[in-house]
Amino acid sequence: MAELLNTELTVSELTSLIKKTLEEGFYGLKVSGEISNFRPTSTGHWFFTLKDSNSAISAVMFKGSTWKVDFTPKEGDQVVVTGS
């Protein structure tokens, strides 16, 4: 990252760098938290918020993976999720 100091980037270059850093640097994580705002869609995807007492992140489980879960998540469920 030091090589980026004083380097002029376009907005597209910056967003591409952020995307690449997040996709390559955060893979196969296990995160524990509480499910909030669980929203299954008609297409089969599950959208929800994963939160703890201090923070929250938006999450999605795509239709191709929901079959791996042997329960239907609901508000307040404490879970450990694996993803990227």
N, C-alpha and C. Protein backbone atom coordinates (compact mmCIF):
# COMPACT_ATOMS: atom_id res chain seq x y z
N MET A 1 0.80 -1.19 0.00
CA MET A 1 0.00 0.00 0.00
C MET A 1 0.85 1.26 0.00
N ALA A 2 2.08 1.17 0.49
CA ALA A 2 2.93 2.36 0.52
C ALA A 2 3.17 2.90 -0.88
N GLU A 3 3.18 2.01 -1.88
CA GLU A 3 3.39 2.46 -3.25
C GLU A 3 2.24 3.33 -3.76
N LEU A 4 1.11 3.31 -3.09
CA LEU A 4 -0.04 4.12 -3.50
C LEU A 4 0.00 5.54 -2.94
N LEU A 5 0.86 5.78 -1.96
CA LEU A 5 0.96 7.13 -1.41
C LEU A 5 1.37 8.10 -2.51
N ASN A 6 0.70 9.22 -2.56
CA ASN A 6 0.96 10.26 -3.55
C ASN A 6 0.73 9.80 -4.98
N THR A 7 -0.04 8.71 -5.17
CA THR A 7 -0.41 8.25 -6.50
C THR A 7 -1.81 8.76 -6.80
N GLU A 8 -1.98 9.32 -7.97
CA GLU A 8 -3.30 9.81 -8.37
C GLU A 8 -4.09 8.67 -8.99
N LEU A 9 -5.27 8.41 -8.44
CA LEU A 9 -6.14 7.35 -8.94
C LEU A 9 -7.44 7.96 -9.44
N THR A 10 -8.03 7.31 -10.42
CA THR A 10 -9.39 7.68 -10.80
C THR A 10 -10.34 7.04 -9.80
N VAL A 11 -11.57 7.50 -9.76
CA VAL A 11 -12.57 6.90 -8.89
C VAL A 11 -12.72 5.43 -9.23
N SER A 12 -12.76 5.09 -10.51
CA SER A 12 -12.90 3.69 -10.93
C SER A 12 -11.72 2.85 -10.47
N GLU A 13 -10.52 3.38 -10.54
CA GLU A 13 -9.34 2.64 -10.08
C GLU A 13 -9.40 2.40 -8.58
N LEU A 14 -9.84 3.42 -7.84
CA LEU A 14 -9.96 3.28 -6.38
C LEU A 14 -11.00 2.23 -6.02
N THR A 15 -12.18 2.29 -6.62
CA THR A 15 -13.22 1.31 -6.28
C THR A 15 -12.81 -0.09 -6.70
N SER A 16 -12.09 -0.22 -7.80
CA SER A 16 -11.59 -1.53 -8.23
C SER A 16 -10.57 -2.07 -7.22
N LEU A 17 -9.69 -1.22 -6.73
CA LEU A 17 -8.71 -1.62 -5.73
C LEU A 17 -9.38 -2.04 -4.42
N ILE A 18 -10.39 -1.30 -4.00
CA ILE A 18 -11.12 -1.65 -2.78
C ILE A 18 -11.81 -3.00 -2.96
N LYS A 19 -12.47 -3.20 -4.09
CA LYS A 19 -13.16 -4.46 -4.37
C LYS A 19 -12.19 -5.63 -4.35
N LYS A 20 -11.07 -5.49 -5.03
CA LYS A 20 -10.07 -6.56 -5.09
C LYS A 20 -9.53 -6.87 -3.70
N THR A 21 -9.24 -5.84 -2.92
CA THR A 21 -8.71 -6.03 -1.57
C THR A 21 -9.70 -6.78 -0.68
N LEU A 22 -10.97 -6.40 -0.75
CA LEU A 22 -11.98 -7.07 0.07
C LEU A 22 -12.21 -8.50 -0.39
N GLU A 23 -12.31 -8.73 -1.69
CA GLU A 23 -12.59 -10.07 -2.18
C GLU A 23 -11.44 -11.04 -1.92
N GLU A 24 -10.21 -10.57 -2.04
CA GLU A 24 -9.06 -11.45 -1.85
C GLU A 24 -8.64 -11.56 -0.39
N GLY A 25 -8.94 -10.56 0.41
CA GLY A 25 -8.46 -10.54 1.78
C GLY A 25 -9.41 -11.09 2.82
N PHE A 26 -10.66 -11.28 2.46
CA PHE A 26 -11.66 -11.74 3.42
C PHE A 26 -12.39 -12.94 2.84
N TYR A 27 -11.73 -14.09 2.83
CA TYR A 27 -12.30 -15.30 2.25
C TYR A 27 -12.32 -16.41 3.29
N GLY A 28 -13.42 -17.15 3.36
CA GLY A 28 -13.51 -18.29 4.27
C GLY A 28 -13.58 -17.90 5.74
N LEU A 29 -14.14 -16.75 6.02
CA LEU A 29 -14.25 -16.30 7.40
C LEU A 29 -15.44 -16.96 8.10
N LYS A 30 -15.30 -17.16 9.40
CA LYS A 30 -16.43 -17.58 10.24
C LYS A 30 -16.75 -16.41 11.15
N VAL A 31 -18.00 -15.98 11.12
CA VAL A 31 -18.42 -14.82 11.91
C VAL A 31 -19.66 -15.19 12.72
N SER A 32 -19.65 -14.89 14.00
CA SER A 32 -20.82 -15.17 14.84
C SER A 32 -21.59 -13.88 15.07
N GLY A 33 -22.90 -14.03 15.16
CA GLY A 33 -23.73 -12.87 15.41
C GLY A 33 -25.20 -13.24 15.45
N GLU A 34 -26.01 -12.22 15.56
CA GLU A 34 -27.46 -12.38 15.63
C GLU A 34 -28.09 -11.96 14.31
N ILE A 35 -29.02 -12.75 13.82
CA ILE A 35 -29.73 -12.41 12.59
C ILE A 35 -30.79 -11.35 12.88
N SER A 36 -30.81 -10.35 12.02
CA SER A 36 -31.79 -9.28 12.11
C SER A 36 -32.26 -8.96 10.69
N ASN A 37 -33.48 -8.49 10.58
CA ASN A 37 -34.03 -8.08 9.27
C ASN A 37 -33.94 -9.19 8.21
N PHE A 38 -34.23 -10.42 8.60
CA PHE A 38 -34.17 -11.54 7.65
C PHE A 38 -35.24 -11.36 6.58
N ARG A 39 -34.81 -11.37 5.30
CA ARG A 39 -35.72 -11.15 4.19
C ARG A 39 -35.49 -12.18 3.09
N PRO A 40 -36.22 -13.29 3.10
CA PRO A 40 -36.11 -14.22 1.98
C PRO A 40 -36.81 -13.60 0.76
N THR A 41 -36.26 -13.84 -0.41
CA THR A 41 -36.86 -13.27 -1.62
C THR A 41 -37.55 -14.35 -2.45
N SER A 42 -38.36 -13.93 -3.37
CA SER A 42 -39.07 -14.87 -4.24
C SER A 42 -38.09 -15.63 -5.15
N THR A 43 -36.90 -15.10 -5.35
CA THR A 43 -35.90 -15.78 -6.17
C THR A 43 -35.11 -16.81 -5.38
N GLY A 44 -35.31 -16.86 -4.06
CA GLY A 44 -34.65 -17.86 -3.24
C GLY A 44 -33.45 -17.37 -2.45
N HIS A 45 -33.03 -16.13 -2.67
CA HIS A 45 -31.91 -15.58 -1.92
C HIS A 45 -32.38 -15.14 -0.54
N TRP A 46 -31.46 -15.13 0.43
CA TRP A 46 -31.76 -14.66 1.77
C TRP A 46 -30.92 -13.42 2.05
N PHE A 47 -31.58 -12.32 2.36
CA PHE A 47 -30.90 -11.10 2.77
C PHE A 47 -31.14 -10.91 4.26
N PHE A 48 -30.11 -10.48 4.98
CA PHE A 48 -30.25 -10.27 6.42
C PHE A 48 -29.12 -9.38 6.93
N THR A 49 -29.27 -8.97 8.16
CA THR A 49 -28.22 -8.24 8.86
C THR A 49 -27.65 -9.18 9.91
N LEU A 50 -26.34 -9.18 10.04
CA LEU A 50 -25.68 -9.95 11.09
C LEU A 50 -25.09 -8.92 12.05
N LYS A 51 -25.50 -9.02 13.33
CA LYS A 51 -25.09 -7.98 14.28
C LYS A 51 -24.65 -8.56 15.60
N ASP A 52 -23.90 -7.73 16.33
CA ASP A 52 -23.60 -8.01 17.73
C ASP A 52 -23.93 -6.74 18.51
N SER A 53 -23.47 -6.62 19.71
CA SER A 53 -23.87 -5.47 20.54
C SER A 53 -23.30 -4.15 20.05
N ASN A 54 -22.28 -4.18 19.20
CA ASN A 54 -21.64 -2.94 18.79
C ASN A 54 -21.71 -2.63 17.29
N SER A 55 -21.90 -3.65 16.47
CA SER A 55 -21.81 -3.43 15.02
C SER A 55 -22.78 -4.32 14.27
N ALA A 56 -22.97 -3.98 12.99
CA ALA A 56 -23.85 -4.77 12.13
C ALA A 56 -23.31 -4.72 10.70
N ILE A 57 -23.50 -5.82 9.96
CA ILE A 57 -23.14 -5.86 8.55
C ILE A 57 -24.29 -6.46 7.76
N SER A 58 -24.45 -6.01 6.55
CA SER A 58 -25.44 -6.60 5.65
C SER A 58 -24.87 -7.88 5.07
N ALA A 59 -25.73 -8.86 4.86
CA ALA A 59 -25.27 -10.14 4.34
C ALA A 59 -26.32 -10.71 3.39
N VAL A 60 -25.85 -11.61 2.54
CA VAL A 60 -26.75 -12.32 1.63
C VAL A 60 -26.27 -13.77 1.52
N MET A 61 -27.22 -14.67 1.48
CA MET A 61 -26.93 -16.06 1.14
C MET A 61 -27.69 -16.33 -0.16
N PHE A 62 -26.95 -16.67 -1.18
CA PHE A 62 -27.56 -16.88 -2.48
C PHE A 62 -28.28 -18.22 -2.54
N LYS A 63 -29.26 -18.29 -3.40
CA LYS A 63 -30.14 -19.46 -3.55
C LYS A 63 -29.36 -20.76 -3.64
N GLY A 64 -28.24 -20.76 -4.33
CA GLY A 64 -27.45 -21.97 -4.51
C GLY A 64 -26.85 -22.54 -3.24
N SER A 65 -26.87 -21.76 -2.16
CA SER A 65 -26.29 -22.22 -0.89
C SER A 65 -27.32 -22.42 0.21
N THR A 66 -28.53 -21.91 0.04
CA THR A 66 -29.50 -21.99 1.13
C THR A 66 -29.89 -23.42 1.47
N TRP A 67 -29.75 -24.33 0.51
CA TRP A 67 -30.10 -25.74 0.77
C TRP A 67 -29.20 -26.36 1.83
N LYS A 68 -28.03 -25.76 2.07
CA LYS A 68 -27.08 -26.28 3.05
C LYS A 68 -27.52 -26.00 4.49
N VAL A 69 -28.50 -25.12 4.66
CA VAL A 69 -28.97 -24.74 5.99
C VAL A 69 -30.20 -25.57 6.32
N ASP A 70 -30.16 -26.26 7.46
CA ASP A 70 -31.26 -27.18 7.79
C ASP A 70 -32.35 -26.54 8.65
N PHE A 71 -32.43 -25.20 8.64
CA PHE A 71 -33.50 -24.49 9.33
C PHE A 71 -33.75 -23.19 8.57
N THR A 72 -34.89 -22.60 8.82
CA THR A 72 -35.18 -21.29 8.24
C THR A 72 -34.82 -20.24 9.28
N PRO A 73 -33.85 -19.40 8.98
CA PRO A 73 -33.44 -18.38 9.95
C PRO A 73 -34.59 -17.44 10.30
N LYS A 74 -34.53 -16.93 11.51
CA LYS A 74 -35.54 -15.97 11.95
C LYS A 74 -34.87 -14.90 12.82
N GLU A 75 -35.57 -13.83 13.00
CA GLU A 75 -35.11 -12.71 13.80
C GLU A 75 -34.61 -13.18 15.16
N GLY A 76 -33.40 -12.77 15.51
CA GLY A 76 -32.84 -13.08 16.82
C GLY A 76 -32.03 -14.35 16.90
N ASP A 77 -32.03 -15.18 15.85
CA ASP A 77 -31.22 -16.40 15.86
C ASP A 77 -29.75 -16.06 16.00
N GLN A 78 -29.07 -16.76 16.90
CA GLN A 78 -27.63 -16.65 17.04
C GLN A 78 -27.00 -17.68 16.11
N VAL A 79 -26.13 -17.23 15.20
CA VAL A 79 -25.57 -18.12 14.19
C VAL A 79 -24.07 -17.90 14.04
N VAL A 80 -23.42 -18.86 13.42
CA VAL A 80 -22.06 -18.70 12.93
C VAL A 80 -22.15 -18.91 11.44
N VAL A 81 -21.75 -17.92 10.68
CA VAL A 81 -21.79 -18.00 9.23
C VAL A 81 -20.38 -18.07 8.68
N THR A 82 -20.25 -18.75 7.54
CA THR A 82 -18.97 -18.84 6.86
C THR A 82 -19.14 -18.22 5.49
N GLY A 83 -18.21 -17.39 5.10
CA GLY A 83 -18.34 -16.77 3.78
C GLY A 83 -17.20 -15.85 3.46
N SER A 84 -17.44 -15.09 2.44
CA SER A 84 -16.44 -14.11 2.01
C SER A 84 -17.13 -12.81 1.68
